[in-house]
Amino acid sequence: MFENATKEDLVTVLVEMGETVDGNLGIMELKQKLMLSKAYLEGEEFVRDVLATTIEDRMEKEEDRKKEEEYKEECRRKEEERRLE
């Protein structure tokens, strides 16, 4: 369930579940807090789905950002090549 989950993912899910989160908590403490939360105890599958969706969304955004950076770098290279011709 927590594979690929970052601290930010866990904080996002906990906040969505109505939990208060101390910014000083580590990833292990956040995992424990999530598993002991009322939302998790009442609907484990739902919370798992929310976490999975949160992770997926973050990974897609990271991939989009990476592609955009690669595109910008390629444009810079092409522009530099044109100037050198």
PDB file of N, CA and C in Angstrom:
ATOM      1  N   MET A   1       0.820  -1.197   0.000  1.00  0.00           N
ATOM      2  CA  MET A   1       0.000   0.000   0.000  1.00  0.00           C
ATOM      3  C   MET A   1       0.863   1.259   0.000  1.00  0.00           C
ATOM      4  N   PHE A   2       1.972   1.250   0.715  1.00  0.00           N
ATOM      5  CA  PHE A   2       2.784   2.449   0.842  1.00  0.00           C
ATOM      6  C   PHE A   2       3.928   2.510  -0.161  1.00  0.00           C
ATOM      7  N   GLU A   3       3.999   1.537  -1.060  1.00  0.00           N
ATOM      8  CA  GLU A   3       5.060   1.533  -2.052  1.00  0.00           C
ATOM      9  C   GLU A   3       4.962   2.796  -2.903  1.00  0.00           C
ATOM     10  N   ASN A   4       6.064   3.485  -3.064  1.00  0.00           N
ATOM     11  CA  ASN A   4       6.165   4.734  -3.830  1.00  0.00           C
ATOM     12  C   ASN A   4       5.516   5.932  -3.151  1.00  0.00           C
ATOM     13  N   ALA A   5       5.010   5.771  -1.932  1.00  0.00           N
ATOM     14  CA  ALA A   5       4.382   6.893  -1.234  1.00  0.00           C
ATOM     15  C   ALA A   5       5.452   7.799  -0.634  1.00  0.00           C
ATOM     16  N   THR A   6       5.304   9.091  -0.874  1.00  0.00           N
ATOM     17  CA  THR A   6       6.206  10.067  -0.284  1.00  0.00           C
ATOM     18  C   THR A   6       5.544  10.665   0.954  1.00  0.00           C
ATOM     19  N   LYS A   7       6.324  11.414   1.688  1.00  0.00           N
ATOM     20  CA  LYS A   7       5.791  12.096   2.863  1.00  0.00           C
ATOM     21  C   LYS A   7       4.633  13.009   2.445  1.00  0.00           C
ATOM     22  N   GLU A   8       4.813  13.706   1.333  1.00  0.00           N
ATOM     23  CA  GLU A   8       3.782  14.621   0.843  1.00  0.00           C
ATOM     24  C   GLU A   8       2.495  13.879   0.479  1.00  0.00           C
ATOM     25  N   ASP A   9       2.625  12.685  -0.097  1.00  0.00           N
ATOM     26  CA  ASP A   9       1.444  11.874  -0.424  1.00  0.00           C
ATOM     27  C   ASP A   9       0.670  11.535   0.841  1.00  0.00           C
ATOM     28  N   LEU A  10       1.395  11.099   1.857  1.00  0.00           N
ATOM     29  CA  LEU A  10       0.749  10.704   3.112  1.00  0.00           C
ATOM     30  C   LEU A  10       0.084  11.898   3.783  1.00  0.00           C
ATOM     31  N   VAL A  11       0.760  13.040   3.783  1.00  0.00           N
ATOM     32  CA  VAL A  11       0.180  14.246   4.371  1.00  0.00           C
ATOM     33  C   VAL A  11      -1.095  14.627   3.618  1.00  0.00           C
ATOM     34  N   THR A  12      -1.054  14.576   2.303  1.00  0.00           N
ATOM     35  CA  THR A  12      -2.227  14.910   1.485  1.00  0.00           C
ATOM     36  C   THR A  12      -3.417  14.029   1.842  1.00  0.00           C
ATOM     37  N   VAL A  13      -3.185  12.729   1.926  1.00  0.00           N
ATOM     38  CA  VAL A  13      -4.276  11.793   2.232  1.00  0.00           C
ATOM     39  C   VAL A  13      -4.793  12.017   3.648  1.00  0.00           C
ATOM     40  N   LEU A  14      -3.898  12.186   4.596  1.00  0.00           N
ATOM     41  CA  LEU A  14      -4.330  12.420   5.978  1.00  0.00           C
ATOM     42  C   LEU A  14      -5.188  13.678   6.079  1.00  0.00           C
ATOM     43  N   VAL A  15      -4.781  14.734   5.420  1.00  0.00           N
ATOM     44  CA  VAL A  15      -5.554  15.980   5.448  1.00  0.00           C
ATOM     45  C   VAL A  15      -6.912  15.767   4.780  1.00  0.00           C
ATOM     46  N   GLU A  16      -6.931  15.048   3.654  1.00  0.00           N
ATOM     47  CA  GLU A  16      -8.198  14.757   2.978  1.00  0.00           C
ATOM     48  C   GLU A  16      -9.129  13.932   3.862  1.00  0.00           C
ATOM     49  N   MET A  17      -8.553  13.127   4.738  1.00  0.00           N
ATOM     50  CA  MET A  17      -9.352  12.299   5.638  1.00  0.00           C
ATOM     51  C   MET A  17      -9.743  13.053   6.913  1.00  0.00           C
ATOM     52  N   GLY A  18      -9.383  14.337   6.976  1.00  0.00           N
ATOM     53  CA  GLY A  18      -9.776  15.159   8.113  1.00  0.00           C
ATOM     54  C   GLY A  18      -8.844  15.088   9.301  1.00  0.00           C
ATOM     55  N   GLU A  19      -7.673  14.529   9.119  1.00  0.00           N
ATOM     56  CA  GLU A  19      -6.697  14.427  10.205  1.00  0.00           C
ATOM     57  C   GLU A  19      -5.826  15.682  10.238  1.00  0.00           C
ATOM     58  N   THR A  20      -5.379  16.038  11.432  1.00  0.00           N
ATOM     59  CA  THR A  20      -4.400  17.115  11.546  1.00  0.00           C
ATOM     60  C   THR A  20      -3.018  16.484  11.487  1.00  0.00           C
ATOM     61  N   VAL A  21      -2.107  17.178  10.831  1.00  0.00           N
ATOM     62  CA  VAL A  21      -0.779  16.610  10.613  1.00  0.00           C
ATOM     63  C   VAL A  21       0.278  17.581  11.108  1.00  0.00           C
ATOM     64  N   ASP A  22       1.154  17.074  11.954  1.00  0.00           N
ATOM     65  CA  ASP A  22       2.301  17.837  12.433  1.00  0.00           C
ATOM     66  C   ASP A  22       3.395  17.735  11.375  1.00  0.00           C
ATOM     67  N   GLY A  23       3.892  18.858  10.920  1.00  0.00           N
ATOM     68  CA  GLY A  23       4.905  18.877   9.875  1.00  0.00           C
ATOM     69  C   GLY A  23       6.208  18.205  10.255  1.00  0.00           C
ATOM     70  N   ASN A  24       6.409  17.963  11.541  1.00  0.00           N
ATOM     71  CA  ASN A  24       7.652  17.345  12.001  1.00  0.00           C
ATOM     72  C   ASN A  24       7.622  15.822  11.957  1.00  0.00           C
ATOM     73  N   LEU A  25       6.475  15.236  11.637  1.00  0.00           N
ATOM     74  CA  LEU A  25       6.379  13.779  11.622  1.00  0.00           C
ATOM     75  C   LEU A  25       7.158  13.197  10.454  1.00  0.00           C
ATOM     76  N   GLY A  26       7.790  12.060  10.702  1.00  0.00           N
ATOM     77  CA  GLY A  26       8.503  11.353   9.647  1.00  0.00           C
ATOM     78  C   GLY A  26       7.557  10.445   8.886  1.00  0.00           C
ATOM     79  N   ILE A  27       8.070   9.828   7.850  1.00  0.00           N
ATOM     80  CA  ILE A  27       7.233   9.001   6.982  1.00  0.00           C
ATOM     81  C   ILE A  27       6.655   7.800   7.734  1.00  0.00           C
ATOM     82  N   MET A  28       7.441   7.187   8.601  1.00  0.00           N
ATOM     83  CA  MET A  28       6.934   6.030   9.355  1.00  0.00           C
ATOM     84  C   MET A  28       5.803   6.443  10.295  1.00  0.00           C
ATOM     85  N   GLU A  29       5.959   7.597  10.932  1.00  0.00           N
ATOM     86  CA  GLU A  29       4.916   8.082  11.840  1.00  0.00           C
ATOM     87  C   GLU A  29       3.652   8.452  11.070  1.00  0.00           C
ATOM     88  N   LEU A  30       3.828   8.994   9.884  1.00  0.00           N
ATOM     89  CA  LEU A  30       2.669   9.330   9.060  1.00  0.00           C
ATOM     90  C   LEU A  30       1.930   8.071   8.608  1.00  0.00           C
ATOM     91  N   LYS A  31       2.674   7.031   8.251  1.00  0.00           N
ATOM     92  CA  LYS A  31       2.049   5.758   7.874  1.00  0.00           C
ATOM     93  C   LYS A  31       1.236   5.204   9.039  1.00  0.00           C
ATOM     94  N   GLN A  32       1.835   5.242  10.228  1.00  0.00           N
ATOM     95  CA  GLN A  32       1.141   4.731  11.412  1.00  0.00           C
ATOM     96  C   GLN A  32      -0.107   5.567  11.700  1.00  0.00           C
ATOM     97  N   LYS A  33       0.027   6.882  11.596  1.00  0.00           N
ATOM     98  CA  LYS A  33      -1.118   7.762  11.843  1.00  0.00           C
ATOM     99  C   LYS A  33      -2.248   7.458  10.858  1.00  0.00           C
ATOM    100  N   LEU A  34      -1.892   7.211   9.603  1.00  0.00           N
ATOM    101  CA  LEU A  34      -2.906   6.890   8.598  1.00  0.00           C
ATOM    102  C   LEU A  34      -3.597   5.573   8.930  1.00  0.00           C
ATOM    103  N   MET A  35      -2.820   4.558   9.284  1.00  0.00           N
ATOM    104  CA  MET A  35      -3.408   3.244   9.569  1.00  0.00           C
ATOM    105  C   MET A  35      -4.242   3.242  10.848  1.00  0.00           C
ATOM    106  N   LEU A  36      -4.004   4.192  11.730  1.00  0.00           N
ATOM    107  CA  LEU A  36      -4.787   4.283  12.959  1.00  0.00           C
ATOM    108  C   LEU A  36      -5.911   5.314  12.861  1.00  0.00           C
ATOM    109  N   SER A  37      -6.021   5.965  11.718  1.00  0.00           N
ATOM    110  CA  SER A  37      -7.051   6.995  11.553  1.00  0.00           C
ATOM    111  C   SER A  37      -8.439   6.363  11.495  1.00  0.00           C
ATOM    112  N   LYS A  38      -9.408   7.158  11.879  1.00  0.00           N
ATOM    113  CA  LYS A  38     -10.799   6.696  11.865  1.00  0.00           C
ATOM    114  C   LYS A  38     -11.219   6.304  10.447  1.00  0.00           C
ATOM    115  N   ALA A  39     -10.827   7.115   9.477  1.00  0.00           N
ATOM    116  CA  ALA A  39     -11.193   6.843   8.079  1.00  0.00           C
ATOM    117  C   ALA A  39     -10.648   5.496   7.630  1.00  0.00           C
ATOM    118  N   TYR A  40      -9.407   5.186   7.985  1.00  0.00           N
ATOM    119  CA  TYR A  40      -8.780   3.924   7.583  1.00  0.00           C
ATOM    120  C   TYR A  40      -9.455   2.750   8.284  1.00  0.00           C
ATOM    121  N   LEU A  41      -9.716   2.909   9.569  1.00  0.00           N
ATOM    122  CA  LEU A  41     -10.335   1.823  10.331  1.00  0.00           C
ATOM    123  C   LEU A  41     -11.759   1.542   9.856  1.00  0.00           C
ATOM    124  N   GLU A  42     -12.442   2.570   9.369  1.00  0.00           N
ATOM    125  CA  GLU A  42     -13.820   2.391   8.896  1.00  0.00           C
ATOM    126  C   GLU A  42     -13.898   2.021   7.414  1.00  0.00           C
ATOM    127  N   GLY A  43     -12.877   2.380   6.651  1.00  0.00           N
ATOM    128  CA  GLY A  43     -12.924   2.106   5.215  1.00  0.00           C
ATOM    129  C   GLY A  43     -11.535   1.952   4.631  1.00  0.00           C
ATOM    130  N   GLU A  44     -10.886   0.871   4.998  1.00  0.00           N
ATOM    131  CA  GLU A  44      -9.499   0.638   4.579  1.00  0.00           C
ATOM    132  C   GLU A  44      -9.342   0.693   3.064  1.00  0.00           C
ATOM    133  N   GLU A  45     -10.241   0.044   2.351  1.00  0.00           N
ATOM    134  CA  GLU A  45     -10.128  -0.015   0.890  1.00  0.00           C
ATOM    135  C   GLU A  45     -10.253   1.373   0.265  1.00  0.00           C
ATOM    136  N   PHE A  46     -11.162   2.176   0.800  1.00  0.00           N
ATOM    137  CA  PHE A  46     -11.338   3.538   0.297  1.00  0.00           C
ATOM    138  C   PHE A  46     -10.064   4.356   0.489  1.00  0.00           C
ATOM    139  N   VAL A  47      -9.478   4.273   1.668  1.00  0.00           N
ATOM    140  CA  VAL A  47      -8.250   5.026   1.956  1.00  0.00           C
ATOM    141  C   VAL A  47      -7.107   4.530   1.075  1.00  0.00           C
ATOM    142  N   ARG A  48      -7.044   3.225   0.868  1.00  0.00           N
ATOM    143  CA  ARG A  48      -6.013   2.674  -0.025  1.00  0.00           C
ATOM    144  C   ARG A  48      -6.172   3.240  -1.442  1.00  0.00           C
ATOM    145  N   ASP A  49      -7.417   3.338  -1.898  1.00  0.00           N
ATOM    146  CA  ASP A  49      -7.685   3.882  -3.231  1.00  0.00           C
ATOM    147  C   ASP A  49      -7.298   5.361  -3.322  1.00  0.00           C
ATOM    148  N   VAL A  50      -7.619   6.120  -2.280  1.00  0.00           N
ATOM    149  CA  VAL A  50      -7.260   7.542  -2.257  1.00  0.00           C
ATOM    150  C   VAL A  50      -5.744   7.697  -2.295  1.00  0.00           C
ATOM    151  N   LEU A  51      -5.034   6.889  -1.520  1.00  0.00           N
ATOM    152  CA  LEU A  51      -3.572   6.949  -1.512  1.00  0.00           C
ATOM    153  C   LEU A  51      -3.009   6.567  -2.878  1.00  0.00           C
ATOM    154  N   ALA A  52      -3.538   5.508  -3.463  1.00  0.00           N
ATOM    155  CA  ALA A  52      -3.063   5.071  -4.780  1.00  0.00           C
ATOM    156  C   ALA A  52      -3.283   6.159  -5.830  1.00  0.00           C
ATOM    157  N   THR A  53      -4.431   6.807  -5.781  1.00  0.00           N
ATOM    158  CA  THR A  53      -4.733   7.886  -6.721  1.00  0.00           C
ATOM    159  C   THR A  53      -3.808   9.079  -6.498  1.00  0.00           C
ATOM    160  N   THR A  54      -3.549   9.394  -5.245  1.00  0.00           N
ATOM    161  CA  THR A  54      -2.647  10.501  -4.913  1.00  0.00           C
ATOM    162  C   THR A  54      -1.246  10.233  -5.446  1.00  0.00           C
ATOM    163  N   ILE A  55      -0.763   9.016  -5.265  1.00  0.00           N
ATOM    164  CA  ILE A  55       0.569   8.634  -5.754  1.00  0.00           C
ATOM    165  C   ILE A  55       0.603   8.702  -7.277  1.00  0.00           C
ATOM    166  N   GLU A  56      -0.426   8.156  -7.907  1.00  0.00           N
ATOM    167  CA  GLU A  56      -0.522   8.163  -9.374  1.00  0.00           C
ATOM    168  C   GLU A  56      -0.501   9.582  -9.930  1.00  0.00           C
ATOM    169  N   ASP A  57      -1.298  10.454  -9.318  1.00  0.00           N
ATOM    170  CA  ASP A  57      -1.360  11.848  -9.763  1.00  0.00           C
ATOM    171  C   ASP A  57       0.001  12.523  -9.644  1.00  0.00           C
ATOM    172  N   ARG A  58       0.674  12.308  -8.517  1.00  0.00           N
ATOM    173  CA  ARG A  58       1.990  12.912  -8.318  1.00  0.00           C
ATOM    174  C   ARG A  58       2.985  12.406  -9.354  1.00  0.00           C
ATOM    175  N   MET A  59       2.971  11.107  -9.601  1.00  0.00           N
ATOM    176  CA  MET A  59       3.909  10.526 -10.558  1.00  0.00           C
ATOM    177  C   MET A  59       3.640  11.032 -11.978  1.00  0.00           C
ATOM    178  N   GLU A  60       2.368  11.193 -12.332  1.00  0.00           N
ATOM    179  CA  GLU A  60       2.018  11.730 -13.647  1.00  0.00           C
ATOM    180  C   GLU A  60       2.495  13.173 -13.784  1.00  0.00           C
ATOM    181  N   LYS A  61       2.304  13.967 -12.728  1.00  0.00           N
ATOM    182  CA  LYS A  61       2.764  15.354 -12.760  1.00  0.00           C
ATOM    183  C   LYS A  61       4.279  15.416 -12.891  1.00  0.00           C
ATOM    184  N   GLU A  62       4.979  14.539 -12.171  1.00  0.00           N
ATOM    185  CA  GLU A  62       6.440  14.499 -12.272  1.00  0.00           C
ATOM    186  C   GLU A  62       6.872  14.132 -13.686  1.00  0.00           C
ATOM    187  N   GLU A  63       6.194  13.176 -14.284  1.00  0.00           N
ATOM    188  CA  GLU A  63       6.516  12.760 -15.652  1.00  0.00           C
ATOM    189  C   GLU A  63       6.239  13.896 -16.638  1.00  0.00           C
ATOM    190  N   ASP A  64       5.112  14.585 -16.461  1.00  0.00           N
ATOM    191  CA  ASP A  64       4.790  15.722 -17.328  1.00  0.00           C
ATOM    192  C   ASP A  64       5.840  16.821 -17.195  1.00  0.00           C
ATOM    193  N   ARG A  65       6.253  17.101 -15.957  1.00  0.00           N
ATOM    194  CA  ARG A  65       7.271  18.115 -15.715  1.00  0.00           C
ATOM    195  C   ARG A  65       8.590  17.732 -16.384  1.00  0.00           C
ATOM    196  N   LYS A  66       8.940  16.452 -16.282  1.00  0.00           N
ATOM    197  CA  LYS A  66      10.179  15.964 -16.888  1.00  0.00           C
ATOM    198  C   LYS A  66      10.124  16.113 -18.410  1.00  0.00           C
ATOM    199  N   LYS A  67       9.000  15.730 -19.014  1.00  0.00           N
ATOM    200  CA  LYS A  67       8.850  15.859 -20.466  1.00  0.00           C
ATOM    201  C   LYS A  67       8.926  17.322 -20.899  1.00  0.00           C
ATOM    202  N   GLU A  68       8.309  18.193 -20.116  1.00  0.00           N
ATOM    203  CA  GLU A  68       8.340  19.615 -20.439  1.00  0.00           C
ATOM    204  C   GLU A  68       9.769  20.157 -20.367  1.00  0.00           C
ATOM    205  N   GLU A  69      10.514  19.754 -19.346  1.00  0.00           N
ATOM    206  CA  GLU A  69      11.908  20.185 -19.227  1.00  0.00           C
ATOM    207  C   GLU A  69      12.744  19.667 -20.393  1.00  0.00           C
ATOM    208  N   GLU A  70      12.522  18.413 -20.781  1.00  0.00           N
ATOM    209  CA  GLU A  70      13.254  17.846 -21.915  1.00  0.00           C
ATOM    210  C   GLU A  70      12.922  18.593 -23.203  1.00  0.00           C
ATOM    211  N   TYR A  71      11.658  18.935 -23.382  1.00  0.00           N
ATOM    212  CA  TYR A  71      11.236  19.680 -24.570  1.00  0.00           C
ATOM    213  C   TYR A  71      11.900  21.056 -24.603  1.00  0.00           C
ATOM    214  N   LYS A  72      11.893  21.750 -23.458  1.00  0.00           N
ATOM    215  CA  LYS A  72      12.518  23.069 -23.386  1.00  0.00           C
ATOM    216  C   LYS A  72      14.011  22.981 -23.671  1.00  0.00           C
ATOM    217  N   GLU A  73      14.661  21.965 -23.133  1.00  0.00           N
ATOM    218  CA  GLU A  73      16.094  21.778 -23.371  1.00  0.00           C
ATOM    219  C   GLU A  73      16.360  21.516 -24.852  1.00  0.00           C
ATOM    220  N   GLU A  74      15.528  20.711 -25.476  1.00  0.00           N
ATOM    221  CA  GLU A  74      15.674  20.430 -26.908  1.00  0.00           C
ATOM    222  C   GLU A  74      15.494  21.712 -27.722  1.00  0.00           C
ATOM    223  N   CYS A  75      14.532  22.526 -27.353  1.00  0.00           N
ATOM    224  CA  CYS A  75      14.322  23.801 -28.045  1.00  0.00           C
ATOM    225  C   CYS A  75      15.530  24.714 -27.875  1.00  0.00           C
ATOM    226  N   ARG A  76      16.103  24.742 -26.678  1.00  0.00           N
ATOM    227  CA  ARG A  76      17.303  25.550 -26.441  1.00  0.00           C
ATOM    228  C   ARG A  76      18.461  25.077 -27.310  1.00  0.00           C
ATOM    229  N   ARG A  77      18.626  23.760 -27.386  1.00  0.00           N
ATOM    230  CA  ARG A  77      19.706  23.202 -28.208  1.00  0.00           C
ATOM    231  C   ARG A  77      19.532  23.585 -29.679  1.00  0.00           C
ATOM    232  N   LYS A  78      18.311  23.443 -30.170  1.00  0.00           N
ATOM    233  CA  LYS A  78      18.039  23.776 -31.574  1.00  0.00           C
ATOM    234  C   LYS A  78      18.285  25.257 -31.834  1.00  0.00           C
ATOM    235  N   GLU A  79      17.864  26.091 -30.913  1.00  0.00           N
ATOM    236  CA  GLU A  79      18.076  27.534 -31.054  1.00  0.00           C
ATOM    237  C   GLU A  79      19.569  27.852 -31.054  1.00  0.00           C
ATOM    238  N   GLU A  80      20.310  27.211 -30.188  1.00  0.00           N
ATOM    239  CA  GLU A  80      21.761  27.410 -30.125  1.00  0.00           C
ATOM    240  C   GLU A  80      22.426  26.952 -31.420  1.00  0.00           C
ATOM    241  N   GLU A  81      21.986  25.827 -31.958  1.00  0.00           N
ATOM    242  CA  GLU A  81      22.531  25.329 -33.228  1.00  0.00           C
ATOM    243  C   GLU A  81      22.266  26.313 -34.362  1.00  0.00           C
ATOM    244  N   ARG A  82      21.078  26.903 -34.377  1.00  0.00           N
ATOM    245  CA  ARG A  82      20.737  27.885 -35.412  1.00  0.00           C
ATOM    246  C   ARG A  82      21.630  29.117 -35.319  1.00  0.00           C
ATOM    247  N   ARG A  83      21.902  29.550 -34.087  1.00  0.00           N
ATOM    248  CA  ARG A  83      22.751  30.726 -33.906  1.00  0.00           C
ATOM    249  C   ARG A  83      24.185  30.455 -34.343  1.00  0.00           C
ATOM    250  N   LEU A  84      24.627  29.222 -34.194  1.00  0.00           N
ATOM    251  CA  LEU A  84      26.006  28.878 -34.537  1.00  0.00           C
ATOM    252  C   LEU A  84      26.208  28.640 -36.028  1.00  0.00           C
ATOM    253  N   GLU A  85      25.136  28.486 -36.765  1.00  0.00           N
ATOM    254  CA  GLU A  85      25.252  28.218 -38.214  1.00  0.00           C
ATOM    255  C   GLU A  85      25.653  29.439 -38.997  1.00  0.00           C
TER     256      GLU A  85
END
